[in-house]
Amino acid sequence: MPLTDTEWGVVTSWVRDYLLDTPDPHDRLRQAGYPNTFIGSLALTAKAGDNAASLVRAVRHSITAQLNLLDVLLTLGDLTSQFEPQVLALRARLADDERVHVSDQDHFRAGVLRNGAEVFIDRAQLRERLREFLADPEKTVLVVDGEPDSGRSYSYSLIRYLGQHCGFRPVRVTLTHTTTAAQLIRQIAARLNPEADPPQLNPTPLNDPLSAHEWAVQQIVTRATAAPEAFWIVLDECDRLASTSDAWDAIGQLARALFEHGPAPEGIAPRLVLLGYPATMPQLPYEIRKTVCRDTARILGRDDVDDFFRTYFTQAPVPPADAVRLAAASAAAVWEAAQAPASGDSPMRRLCTAAETAVGTWRSLPPGADYADLLHRRLGAPAALEPAAPSEERRAYRRAACLLVRFEPDTLRLPGEPEPSGRAQQELVDDCATIATNPPVWTLRDDVREAALADLPGPAAARRCLEANLAQVQAGPAPERIALAYLSGRPPDARRLDADALAAAQQAVMWLSRIPGAAGIPDPGQFQNLLERVRLLQPLRRLLEE
């Protein structure tokens, strides 16, 4: 399974601090064994951070080049004295990717990912849709719908896996109830090229924000088409978006822009993937209907689990009779464990966790051990399918970041810390998505943020976390400032806020409402109503201002 963007962010920081922290990066790279032609293709400067980002961006095009970079890092004594286990773990993942990449297996039929640590069960229709989507350059949009907990977002795991082996790079933006068109455009642009200037949202200035957004979307598609790699823009959790959000218009504009640009040479045209895009929401432009692939996810059943283990053990080096017995025992144990009442993860995630436990148990089975008995004991253990409890330090950094839209992990501070320790990058690498790479800028995943907000002892602790990290807050209307105003007893007058400030206020109160003991927090729906009214009047006000 390919490394995540946050993991590449950690690798970039290692390259910056231990490999390219030198006045002569060209010579350092030559000493590391890189050829002059490769070094000459990099945009090297006097800044170690820029050079690290350039090197990492270049090696991500090839699994062999990724492995080579990790091997170079393992030769650096100062780095390995602190982080050798982490470097080796990442290298093992890439080595497994390379083994799979050169094998003759059909990547679209893969069921075991990440060297057995992750599984992808069934979804035969999605696999064929992805094969069709990738093979047909005329197809520009893939829509995945289905009922909740049916595995729509789960589709992203297979997309990431295929990206490593089929020559494209997925970039995901997860939507929320409060996502606006401007936020969506900026996030997509940052995911595609964190080093580039953000697109201008109102360059003329135009009275019509829709026209301004469309102009910015065209910029994004033009940049993505000109990039040396094929991007798949993945918009996840589409059904969480408010039905009145202007982000729906931006999604339609993005789909149309991709259609109008048409196929690019050598299959590097960007594509759009919409996960959880229901038929009841605003539909895509009519003219692109023939370029859309559609898949409907369904909740997995016992037959799917049976088929998964039947296929897995048929391919295992065991006699056919043993394969049948092992598959039956695995499917029964996994299904029983996943159906047990529990809180926390969704049924889909519990089923996959149980299957991953079975695969891991088989792969690590000691000689002479009874597989079925050991699997039952592991799945029957208390909280066997519950997520592992995070360490106290990890929980503390989650709480520190849970009221921040974005943050630099290198400078994230815990309350009471005189100086940042830099530990946030290691602790939160699996909890975040990347917004920028130089310097690294991250944002907490929504599920992690929800858990961290509920983990805060109360409003006073939330205020201390915000005050410790005010330097992380961007200029202009920001949810962090509005949240701090409420926590300090100085709430803003919602009637005087413009559209951007109302969107920020709505996000802030949604976060604050999840903090235990928070009082005096208004209903987020109040801000939604005001926001809809302001958006309706906005073009008229701009016209009067001209």
Protein backbone atom coordinates (compact mmCIF):
# COMPACT_ATOMS: atom_id res chain seq x y z
CA MET A 1 0.00 0.00 0.00
CA PRO A 2 1.50 3.40 -0.90
CA LEU A 3 2.58 5.79 1.80
CA THR A 4 0.05 8.43 2.78
CA ASP A 5 0.67 12.11 2.14
CA THR A 6 1.35 12.69 5.84
CA GLU A 7 3.91 9.86 5.81
CA TRP A 8 5.56 11.51 2.82
CA GLY A 9 5.51 14.70 4.87
CA VAL A 10 7.52 12.95 7.56
CA VAL A 11 9.94 11.62 4.93
CA THR A 12 10.28 15.16 3.52
CA SER A 13 11.19 16.48 6.95
CA TRP A 14 13.87 13.75 7.31
CA VAL A 15 15.29 14.65 3.90
CA ARG A 16 15.29 18.33 4.84
CA ASP A 17 16.91 17.92 8.25
CA TYR A 18 19.34 15.05 7.67
CA LEU A 19 20.14 14.76 3.95
CA LEU A 20 19.85 18.20 2.35
CA ASP A 21 20.70 20.48 5.26
CA THR A 22 23.81 21.55 3.40
CA PRO A 23 25.00 24.56 1.34
CA ASP A 24 25.75 22.25 -1.62
CA PRO A 25 22.73 19.96 -2.23
CA HIS A 26 24.04 18.91 -5.65
CA ASP A 27 27.19 17.40 -4.18
CA ARG A 28 25.26 15.76 -1.34
CA LEU A 29 22.92 14.04 -3.79
CA ARG A 30 25.87 12.87 -5.91
CA GLN A 31 27.44 11.38 -2.79
CA ALA A 32 24.14 9.59 -2.13
CA GLY A 33 24.40 7.92 -5.55
CA TYR A 34 21.96 9.97 -7.61
CA PRO A 35 22.98 10.45 -11.28
CA ASN A 36 23.75 13.93 -12.62
CA THR A 37 20.81 13.81 -15.05
CA PHE A 38 18.38 13.25 -12.18
CA ILE A 39 19.99 15.93 -10.01
CA GLY A 40 19.83 18.37 -12.92
CA SER A 41 16.08 17.82 -13.25
CA LEU A 42 15.47 19.03 -9.68
CA ALA A 43 14.77 22.68 -8.92
CA LEU A 44 17.44 22.94 -6.21
CA THR A 45 17.88 26.22 -4.32
CA ALA A 46 19.63 27.41 -1.19
CA LYS A 47 16.64 26.37 0.94
CA ALA A 48 16.72 22.85 2.39
CA GLY A 49 12.93 22.70 2.69
CA ASP A 50 12.39 23.53 -0.99
CA ASN A 51 15.05 21.01 -2.03
CA ALA A 52 13.53 18.25 0.12
CA ALA A 53 10.07 18.87 -1.35
CA SER A 54 11.50 18.82 -4.87
CA LEU A 55 13.35 15.53 -4.30
CA VAL A 56 10.37 13.77 -2.71
CA ARG A 57 8.04 14.98 -5.45
CA ALA A 58 10.40 13.55 -8.08
CA VAL A 59 10.80 10.11 -6.50
CA ARG A 60 7.06 9.58 -5.98
CA HIS A 61 6.67 8.77 -9.69
CA SER A 62 8.32 5.36 -9.24
CA ILE A 63 8.22 2.68 -6.53
CA THR A 64 11.90 1.88 -7.21
CA ALA A 65 12.84 5.53 -6.71
CA GLN A 66 10.81 5.66 -3.49
CA LEU A 67 12.65 2.62 -2.16
CA ASN A 68 16.00 4.09 -3.16
CA LEU A 69 15.29 7.27 -1.18
CA LEU A 70 14.46 5.24 1.95
CA ASP A 71 17.69 3.27 1.47
CA VAL A 72 19.62 6.55 1.28
CA LEU A 73 18.01 7.73 4.51
CA LEU A 74 18.98 4.49 6.23
CA THR A 75 22.65 5.34 5.61
CA LEU A 76 22.36 8.56 7.67
CA GLY A 77 23.52 7.79 11.19
CA ASP A 78 22.05 10.91 12.79
CA LEU A 79 18.63 9.97 11.42
CA THR A 80 18.68 6.25 12.15
CA SER A 81 19.84 6.84 15.73
CA GLN A 82 16.41 8.38 16.36
CA PHE A 83 14.02 7.06 13.73
CA GLU A 84 15.39 3.77 12.34
CA PRO A 85 12.28 1.69 13.26
CA GLN A 86 10.01 4.21 11.52
CA VAL A 87 12.17 4.31 8.38
CA LEU A 88 12.35 0.51 8.24
CA ALA A 89 8.56 0.21 8.62
CA LEU A 90 7.97 2.56 5.69
CA ARG A 91 10.59 0.77 3.60
CA ALA A 92 8.93 -2.59 4.27
CA ARG A 93 5.64 -1.20 2.94
CA LEU A 94 7.31 0.03 -0.25
CA ALA A 95 9.21 -3.25 -0.69
CA ASP A 96 5.90 -5.11 -0.58
CA ASP A 97 4.50 -2.66 -3.13
CA GLU A 98 7.42 -3.39 -5.44
CA ARG A 99 6.98 -7.16 -5.04
CA VAL A 100 3.29 -6.87 -5.93
CA HIS A 101 3.99 -4.42 -8.76
CA VAL A 102 6.26 -6.84 -10.66
CA SER A 103 4.05 -9.87 -10.03
CA ASP A 104 1.55 -11.16 -12.58
CA GLN A 105 -1.48 -10.73 -10.31
CA ASP A 106 -4.51 -8.72 -11.45
CA HIS A 107 -4.33 -5.58 -9.31
CA PHE A 108 -8.04 -4.94 -9.80
CA ARG A 109 -8.84 -8.24 -8.07
CA ALA A 110 -6.60 -7.63 -5.05
CA GLY A 111 -8.16 -8.60 -1.73
CA VAL A 112 -5.21 -8.32 0.65
CA LEU A 113 -3.50 -4.93 0.79
CA ARG A 114 -0.63 -3.46 2.79
CA ASN A 115 1.13 -6.79 3.25
CA GLY A 116 -1.90 -8.30 4.97
CA ALA A 117 -2.62 -5.37 7.28
CA GLU A 118 -5.62 -4.26 5.21
CA VAL A 119 -8.24 -6.14 3.23
CA PHE A 120 -10.70 -5.18 0.52
CA ILE A 121 -13.70 -7.51 0.43
CA ASP A 122 -15.84 -8.11 -2.65
CA ARG A 123 -17.11 -4.97 -4.52
CA ALA A 124 -16.80 -6.85 -7.84
CA GLN A 125 -18.83 -4.19 -9.62
CA LEU A 126 -16.60 -1.38 -8.34
CA ARG A 127 -13.50 -3.28 -9.46
CA GLU A 128 -14.87 -3.56 -12.99
CA ARG A 129 -16.01 0.06 -12.99
CA LEU A 130 -12.50 1.13 -12.01
CA ARG A 131 -11.01 -1.04 -14.75
CA GLU A 132 -13.38 0.53 -17.28
CA PHE A 133 -12.77 4.03 -15.93
CA LEU A 134 -9.00 3.71 -16.15
CA ALA A 135 -9.01 2.12 -19.60
CA ASP A 136 -11.34 4.66 -21.28
CA PRO A 137 -9.74 8.13 -21.65
CA GLU A 138 -13.17 9.57 -22.50
CA LYS A 139 -14.45 8.81 -18.99
CA THR A 140 -13.79 11.75 -16.67
CA VAL A 141 -16.03 11.20 -13.61
CA LEU A 142 -16.63 8.17 -11.36
CA VAL A 143 -19.65 8.39 -9.03
CA VAL A 144 -20.01 5.96 -6.11
CA ASP A 145 -23.34 6.00 -4.28
CA GLY A 146 -25.03 3.69 -1.81
CA GLU A 147 -26.59 3.60 1.61
CA PRO A 148 -24.59 4.64 4.71
CA ASP A 149 -22.08 2.06 5.99
CA SER A 150 -22.07 0.34 2.61
CA GLY A 151 -18.43 1.14 1.91
CA ARG A 152 -18.52 4.20 -0.32
CA SER A 153 -15.55 5.88 1.37
CA TYR A 154 -14.01 2.41 1.81
CA SER A 155 -13.61 2.52 -1.99
CA TYR A 156 -10.74 4.95 -1.49
CA SER A 157 -8.55 2.15 -0.11
CA LEU A 158 -8.72 0.27 -3.41
CA ILE A 159 -8.25 3.50 -5.39
CA ARG A 160 -5.05 4.30 -3.44
CA TYR A 161 -3.76 0.77 -4.00
CA LEU A 162 -4.45 0.93 -7.74
CA GLY A 163 -2.84 4.36 -7.99
CA GLN A 164 0.52 2.91 -6.95
CA HIS A 165 0.35 0.18 -9.60
CA CYS A 166 -1.59 1.83 -12.45
CA GLY A 167 0.21 5.15 -12.74
CA PHE A 168 -2.10 7.73 -11.19
CA ARG A 169 -2.11 9.66 -7.94
CA PRO A 170 -5.36 10.11 -5.99
CA VAL A 171 -5.75 13.29 -3.95
CA ARG A 172 -8.65 13.27 -1.51
CA VAL A 173 -10.70 16.11 -0.07
CA THR A 174 -13.27 15.11 2.56
CA LEU A 175 -16.34 17.33 2.55
CA THR A 176 -18.26 18.47 5.61
CA HIS A 177 -21.62 20.11 6.22
CA THR A 178 -19.99 23.54 6.21
CA THR A 179 -17.66 23.21 3.21
CA THR A 180 -17.99 26.20 0.88
CA ALA A 181 -17.06 26.52 -2.79
CA ALA A 182 -14.07 28.73 -1.95
CA GLN A 183 -12.80 26.25 0.65
CA LEU A 184 -13.24 23.32 -1.73
CA ILE A 185 -11.36 25.07 -4.55
CA ARG A 186 -8.47 26.04 -2.26
CA GLN A 187 -8.23 22.53 -0.79
CA ILE A 188 -8.17 20.85 -4.20
CA ALA A 189 -5.52 23.28 -5.45
CA ALA A 190 -3.38 22.68 -2.36
CA ARG A 191 -3.64 18.89 -2.69
CA LEU A 192 -2.66 18.99 -6.37
CA ASN A 193 0.38 21.23 -5.90
CA PRO A 194 1.08 22.45 -2.36
CA GLU A 195 3.98 24.57 -3.63
CA ALA A 196 1.95 26.62 -6.16
CA ASP A 197 0.18 29.88 -5.39
CA PRO A 198 -3.53 29.33 -4.61
CA PRO A 199 -5.95 30.12 -7.46
CA GLN A 200 -7.46 33.59 -7.50
CA LEU A 201 -11.13 33.40 -6.59
CA ASN A 202 -12.13 36.88 -7.73
CA PRO A 203 -9.42 38.31 -10.01
CA THR A 204 -11.45 40.89 -11.93
CA PRO A 205 -13.24 41.48 -9.43
CA LEU A 206 -16.46 39.91 -10.69
CA ASN A 207 -19.90 40.67 -9.28
CA ASP A 208 -20.96 37.06 -9.70
CA PRO A 209 -19.15 34.66 -7.32
CA LEU A 210 -20.18 31.71 -9.49
CA SER A 211 -18.20 33.14 -12.41
CA ALA A 212 -15.24 33.78 -10.14
CA HIS A 213 -15.33 30.19 -8.87
CA GLU A 214 -15.58 28.85 -12.40
CA TRP A 215 -12.52 30.83 -13.41
CA ALA A 216 -10.61 29.36 -10.44
CA VAL A 217 -11.77 25.83 -11.32
CA GLN A 218 -10.45 26.27 -14.86
CA GLN A 219 -7.09 27.26 -13.35
CA ILE A 220 -7.04 24.07 -11.27
CA VAL A 221 -7.83 21.80 -14.21
CA THR A 222 -5.29 23.53 -16.43
CA ARG A 223 -2.56 23.03 -13.80
CA ALA A 224 -3.54 19.41 -13.19
CA THR A 225 -3.54 18.65 -16.93
CA ALA A 226 -0.08 20.17 -17.34
CA ALA A 227 1.36 18.18 -14.41
CA PRO A 228 3.74 15.29 -15.19
CA GLU A 229 1.52 12.81 -13.32
CA ALA A 230 -2.13 11.79 -13.67
CA PHE A 231 -4.24 13.08 -10.79
CA TRP A 232 -7.54 11.65 -9.59
CA ILE A 233 -9.42 14.26 -7.56
CA VAL A 234 -11.42 12.31 -4.97
CA LEU A 235 -14.22 14.15 -3.15
CA ASP A 236 -15.31 12.02 -0.20
CA GLU A 237 -18.43 12.20 2.01
CA CYS A 238 -20.33 14.21 -0.59
CA ASP A 239 -23.65 13.49 1.13
CA ARG A 240 -22.50 15.38 4.23
CA LEU A 241 -22.49 18.62 2.26
CA ALA A 242 -25.42 20.95 2.98
CA SER A 243 -27.98 20.86 0.17
CA THR A 244 -27.80 24.66 -0.09
CA SER A 245 -23.99 24.86 -0.18
CA ASP A 246 -22.40 26.66 -3.11
CA ALA A 247 -19.85 23.83 -3.20
CA TRP A 248 -22.34 21.82 -5.30
CA ASP A 249 -21.94 24.44 -8.04
CA ALA A 250 -18.15 24.15 -7.78
CA ILE A 251 -18.36 20.34 -8.13
CA GLY A 252 -20.46 20.73 -11.27
CA GLN A 253 -18.04 23.30 -12.67
CA LEU A 254 -15.11 20.98 -11.95
CA ALA A 255 -16.81 18.07 -13.73
CA ARG A 256 -17.59 20.27 -16.74
CA ALA A 257 -14.06 21.68 -16.89
CA LEU A 258 -12.55 18.17 -16.94
CA PHE A 259 -14.96 17.21 -19.71
CA GLU A 260 -14.11 20.30 -21.77
CA HIS A 261 -10.36 19.75 -21.47
CA GLY A 262 -10.81 16.29 -22.93
CA PRO A 263 -8.31 13.40 -22.93
CA ALA A 264 -4.66 14.30 -22.44
CA PRO A 265 -1.71 12.54 -24.09
CA GLU A 266 -0.28 9.44 -22.45
CA GLY A 267 -3.27 9.07 -20.12
CA ILE A 268 -2.29 11.86 -17.72
CA ALA A 269 -5.62 13.73 -17.85
CA PRO A 270 -7.03 14.42 -14.37
CA ARG A 271 -10.18 12.54 -13.34
CA LEU A 272 -12.89 13.25 -10.74
CA VAL A 273 -14.17 10.65 -8.24
CA LEU A 274 -17.26 11.45 -6.16
CA LEU A 275 -17.80 9.13 -3.15
CA GLY A 276 -21.20 9.17 -1.49
CA TYR A 277 -22.81 11.32 -4.19
CA PRO A 278 -26.57 10.62 -3.82
CA ALA A 279 -29.13 10.93 -6.58
CA THR A 280 -31.19 13.27 -4.38
CA MET A 281 -28.53 16.00 -4.44
CA PRO A 282 -27.79 18.52 -7.24
CA GLN A 283 -26.84 16.52 -10.29
CA LEU A 284 -23.85 16.87 -12.57
CA PRO A 285 -24.10 18.88 -15.82
CA TYR A 286 -26.23 17.14 -18.43
CA GLU A 287 -23.62 17.41 -21.18
CA ILE A 288 -21.12 15.16 -19.34
CA ARG A 289 -23.54 12.25 -18.84
CA LYS A 290 -21.73 10.00 -21.33
CA THR A 291 -18.38 10.47 -19.60
CA VAL A 292 -19.59 9.31 -16.16
CA CYS A 293 -19.07 5.83 -14.65
CA ARG A 294 -21.39 4.90 -11.79
CA ASP A 295 -21.21 2.33 -9.00
CA THR A 296 -23.64 1.63 -6.17
CA ALA A 297 -22.11 0.27 -2.99
CA ARG A 298 -24.05 -2.23 -0.88
CA ILE A 299 -23.60 -3.53 2.63
CA LEU A 300 -21.47 -6.67 2.69
CA GLY A 301 -23.14 -9.97 3.55
CA ARG A 302 -22.05 -13.40 4.70
CA ASP A 303 -21.69 -14.59 1.09
CA ASP A 304 -19.12 -11.84 0.44
CA VAL A 305 -17.06 -12.96 3.44
CA ASP A 306 -17.26 -16.60 2.31
CA ASP A 307 -16.08 -15.64 -1.19
CA PHE A 308 -13.20 -13.58 0.18
CA PHE A 309 -11.74 -16.36 2.31
CA ARG A 310 -12.44 -19.01 -0.34
CA THR A 311 -10.34 -17.00 -2.80
CA TYR A 312 -7.66 -16.20 -0.21
CA PHE A 313 -7.04 -19.78 0.89
CA THR A 314 -7.34 -21.18 -2.64
CA GLN A 315 -4.31 -19.02 -3.48
CA ALA A 316 -2.48 -20.05 -0.28
CA PRO A 317 0.11 -22.86 -0.40
CA VAL A 318 -2.13 -25.47 1.25
CA PRO A 319 -3.86 -28.63 -0.07
CA PRO A 320 -7.32 -28.01 -1.60
CA ALA A 321 -9.13 -29.87 1.18
CA ASP A 322 -7.37 -27.75 3.82
CA ALA A 323 -8.17 -24.58 1.87
CA VAL A 324 -11.90 -25.36 2.03
CA ARG A 325 -11.75 -26.07 5.75
CA LEU A 326 -9.67 -22.97 6.56
CA ALA A 327 -11.92 -20.72 4.47
CA ALA A 328 -15.07 -21.99 6.18
CA ALA A 329 -13.57 -21.61 9.67
CA SER A 330 -12.31 -18.09 8.92
CA ALA A 331 -15.56 -16.85 7.40
CA ALA A 332 -17.64 -18.20 10.29
CA ALA A 333 -15.38 -16.70 12.97
CA VAL A 334 -15.06 -13.33 11.24
CA TRP A 335 -18.79 -12.97 10.56
CA GLU A 336 -19.68 -13.90 14.15
CA ALA A 337 -17.20 -11.41 15.59
CA ALA A 338 -18.32 -8.57 13.30
CA GLN A 339 -21.99 -9.07 14.25
CA ALA A 340 -21.38 -8.82 17.99
CA PRO A 341 -22.92 -5.65 19.47
CA ALA A 342 -20.34 -2.94 20.07
CA SER A 343 -19.81 0.77 19.90
CA GLY A 344 -17.19 2.72 18.01
CA ASP A 345 -16.38 1.70 14.46
CA SER A 346 -19.01 1.16 11.76
CA PRO A 347 -20.13 -2.40 10.89
CA MET A 348 -18.09 -2.22 7.67
CA ARG A 349 -14.92 -1.29 9.55
CA ARG A 350 -15.54 -4.00 12.19
CA LEU A 351 -15.95 -6.62 9.47
CA CYS A 352 -12.72 -5.55 7.79
CA THR A 353 -10.86 -5.47 11.12
CA ALA A 354 -12.01 -9.02 11.84
CA ALA A 355 -10.90 -10.17 8.37
CA GLU A 356 -7.54 -8.44 8.81
CA THR A 357 -7.17 -10.24 12.14
CA ALA A 358 -7.80 -13.56 10.40
CA VAL A 359 -5.26 -12.85 7.65
CA GLY A 360 -2.69 -11.70 10.19
CA THR A 361 -3.29 -14.78 12.36
CA TRP A 362 -2.76 -17.12 9.41
CA ARG A 363 0.40 -15.35 8.22
CA SER A 364 1.99 -15.41 11.68
CA LEU A 365 0.74 -18.88 12.70
CA PRO A 366 3.44 -20.74 14.70
CA PRO A 367 4.33 -24.25 13.48
CA GLY A 368 1.91 -26.83 14.83
CA ALA A 369 -0.59 -24.29 16.18
CA ASP A 370 -4.35 -24.72 15.69
CA TYR A 371 -5.38 -21.84 13.41
CA ALA A 372 -9.13 -22.01 14.10
CA ASP A 373 -8.65 -22.09 17.87
CA LEU A 374 -6.15 -19.22 17.85
CA LEU A 375 -8.40 -17.11 15.61
CA HIS A 376 -11.43 -17.65 17.87
CA ARG A 377 -9.39 -16.62 20.90
CA ARG A 378 -8.10 -13.48 19.20
CA LEU A 379 -11.48 -12.42 17.87
CA GLY A 380 -13.17 -13.28 21.16
CA ALA A 381 -10.81 -11.18 23.27
CA PRO A 382 -12.35 -8.11 24.92
CA ALA A 383 -12.40 -5.17 22.51
CA ALA A 384 -10.75 -7.31 19.84
CA LEU A 385 -12.30 -5.25 17.03
CA GLU A 386 -12.15 -1.89 18.77
CA PRO A 387 -9.53 0.62 17.63
CA ALA A 388 -6.35 0.53 19.69
CA ALA A 389 -6.40 3.18 22.39
CA PRO A 390 -4.03 6.05 21.54
CA SER A 391 -1.21 6.93 23.91
CA GLU A 392 -1.69 9.82 26.28
CA GLU A 393 0.81 11.92 24.32
CA ARG A 394 -1.06 11.26 21.08
CA ARG A 395 -4.38 12.18 22.75
CA ALA A 396 -2.82 15.41 24.01
CA TYR A 397 -1.68 16.43 20.53
CA ARG A 398 -5.08 15.52 19.11
CA ARG A 399 -6.73 17.82 21.66
CA ALA A 400 -4.24 20.59 20.86
CA ALA A 401 -5.16 20.42 17.16
CA CYS A 402 -8.89 19.69 17.33
CA LEU A 403 -9.99 23.36 17.15
CA LEU A 404 -7.53 24.25 14.39
CA VAL A 405 -8.57 24.22 10.73
CA ARG A 406 -4.94 23.60 9.77
CA PHE A 407 -1.64 23.48 11.61
CA GLU A 408 2.07 22.97 11.14
CA PRO A 409 2.99 19.79 13.06
CA ASP A 410 6.54 21.07 13.58
CA THR A 411 5.24 24.00 15.64
CA LEU A 412 2.09 22.59 17.27
CA ARG A 413 2.27 23.24 21.01
CA LEU A 414 0.65 21.56 23.96
CA PRO A 415 -0.82 23.95 26.56
CA GLY A 416 1.90 25.02 28.94
CA GLU A 417 4.78 24.17 26.60
CA PRO A 418 7.23 27.10 26.33
CA GLU A 419 8.46 25.84 22.94
CA PRO A 420 7.12 23.25 20.48
CA SER A 421 8.74 19.85 20.97
CA GLY A 422 8.24 18.76 17.34
CA ARG A 423 6.69 15.48 18.54
CA ALA A 424 3.32 16.23 16.91
CA GLN A 425 4.53 15.04 13.50
CA GLN A 426 5.33 11.54 14.77
CA GLU A 427 2.25 11.30 16.99
CA LEU A 428 -0.34 12.55 14.46
CA VAL A 429 1.01 11.09 11.21
CA ASP A 430 -1.87 8.58 11.01
CA ASP A 431 -4.55 11.05 12.15
CA CYS A 432 -4.26 13.79 9.54
CA ALA A 433 -4.51 14.80 5.92
CA THR A 434 -1.92 16.99 4.19
CA ILE A 435 -2.73 20.52 3.04
CA ALA A 436 0.79 21.71 2.18
CA THR A 437 4.26 20.15 2.22
CA ASN A 438 6.78 22.97 2.58
CA PRO A 439 6.48 23.59 5.44
CA PRO A 440 4.18 20.67 6.25
CA VAL A 441 0.64 21.80 7.00
CA TRP A 442 -1.89 19.21 8.18
CA THR A 443 -5.51 18.99 9.26
CA LEU A 444 -7.08 16.40 11.53
CA ARG A 445 -9.33 13.78 9.93
CA ASP A 446 -12.97 14.36 10.83
CA ASP A 447 -13.34 11.17 12.86
CA VAL A 448 -10.20 11.98 14.85
CA ARG A 449 -11.37 15.56 15.42
CA GLU A 450 -14.75 14.36 16.74
CA ALA A 451 -13.04 12.01 19.20
CA ALA A 452 -10.58 14.71 20.32
CA LEU A 453 -13.34 17.29 20.91
CA ALA A 454 -15.21 14.79 23.06
CA ASP A 455 -11.94 14.03 24.89
CA LEU A 456 -11.45 17.63 26.03
CA PRO A 457 -12.08 18.01 29.79
CA GLY A 458 -14.19 21.09 29.18
CA PRO A 459 -14.35 24.62 27.70
CA ALA A 460 -11.43 25.88 29.79
CA ALA A 461 -9.13 23.19 28.39
CA ALA A 462 -10.34 23.99 24.86
CA ARG A 463 -9.50 27.64 25.38
CA ARG A 464 -5.98 26.80 26.61
CA CYS A 465 -5.39 24.63 23.52
CA LEU A 466 -6.44 27.47 21.23
CA GLU A 467 -4.43 30.12 23.05
CA ALA A 468 -1.30 27.96 22.84
CA ASN A 469 -1.60 27.81 19.04
CA LEU A 470 -2.94 31.19 17.92
CA ALA A 471 0.14 31.56 15.70
CA GLN A 472 -1.28 28.71 13.59
CA VAL A 473 -4.47 30.64 12.73
CA GLN A 474 -4.72 32.18 9.27
CA ALA A 475 -5.65 35.79 8.64
CA GLY A 476 -9.26 36.74 7.93
CA PRO A 477 -12.45 35.07 9.17
CA ALA A 478 -11.39 31.88 10.92
CA PRO A 479 -13.35 29.34 12.98
CA GLU A 480 -10.54 29.39 15.56
CA ARG A 481 -10.99 33.08 16.36
CA ILE A 482 -14.77 32.76 16.59
CA ALA A 483 -14.45 29.67 18.79
CA LEU A 484 -12.07 31.56 21.08
CA ALA A 485 -14.52 34.47 21.25
CA TYR A 486 -17.29 32.15 22.47
CA LEU A 487 -14.96 30.42 24.93
CA SER A 488 -13.90 33.85 26.26
CA GLY A 489 -17.48 35.03 26.71
CA ARG A 490 -17.36 37.54 23.83
CA PRO A 491 -19.49 35.97 21.07
CA PRO A 492 -19.81 37.87 17.78
CA ASP A 493 -23.03 39.46 16.56
CA ALA A 494 -24.07 36.98 13.87
CA ARG A 495 -26.24 39.56 12.10
CA ARG A 496 -23.18 41.66 11.27
CA LEU A 497 -21.10 38.85 9.74
CA ASP A 498 -20.50 38.45 6.01
CA ALA A 499 -20.71 35.12 4.16
CA ASP A 500 -17.13 34.02 4.89
CA ALA A 501 -17.44 34.90 8.58
CA LEU A 502 -20.81 33.14 8.88
CA ALA A 503 -19.37 29.96 7.36
CA ALA A 504 -16.49 30.16 9.84
CA ALA A 505 -18.90 30.78 12.74
CA GLN A 506 -21.05 27.82 11.74
CA GLN A 507 -18.00 25.56 11.76
CA ALA A 508 -16.85 26.95 15.11
CA VAL A 509 -20.16 26.35 16.90
CA MET A 510 -20.41 22.84 15.45
CA TRP A 511 -17.04 22.06 17.01
CA LEU A 512 -17.85 23.75 20.31
CA SER A 513 -21.15 21.88 20.63
CA ARG A 514 -19.19 18.63 20.91
CA ILE A 515 -17.06 19.75 23.87
CA PRO A 516 -18.31 18.33 27.19
CA GLY A 517 -19.73 21.04 29.41
CA ALA A 518 -19.87 23.74 26.72
CA ALA A 519 -22.75 26.14 27.42
CA GLY A 520 -24.25 29.12 25.61
CA ILE A 521 -23.41 27.75 22.15
CA PRO A 522 -26.06 28.71 19.55
CA ASP A 523 -27.69 26.26 17.17
CA PRO A 524 -25.55 25.85 14.01
CA GLY A 525 -28.78 26.00 12.01
CA GLN A 526 -29.08 29.68 12.95
CA PHE A 527 -25.88 30.43 11.06
CA GLN A 528 -26.98 28.27 8.12
CA ASN A 529 -30.16 30.35 7.70
CA LEU A 530 -28.23 33.62 7.90
CA LEU A 531 -25.64 32.31 5.47
CA GLU A 532 -28.26 31.38 2.87
CA ARG A 533 -29.79 34.85 3.15
CA VAL A 534 -26.41 36.60 2.80
CA ARG A 535 -25.50 34.51 -0.26
CA LEU A 536 -28.78 35.42 -1.95
CA LEU A 537 -28.15 39.13 -1.35
CA GLN A 538 -24.42 39.07 -2.06
CA PRO A 539 -24.58 39.74 -5.85
CA LEU A 540 -26.91 42.71 -5.29
CA ARG A 541 -24.64 44.19 -2.64
CA ARG A 542 -21.59 43.83 -4.89
CA LEU A 543 -23.45 45.49 -7.71
CA LEU A 544 -24.39 48.45 -5.48
CA GLU A 545 -20.78 48.78 -4.34
CA GLU A 546 -19.52 49.22 -7.91
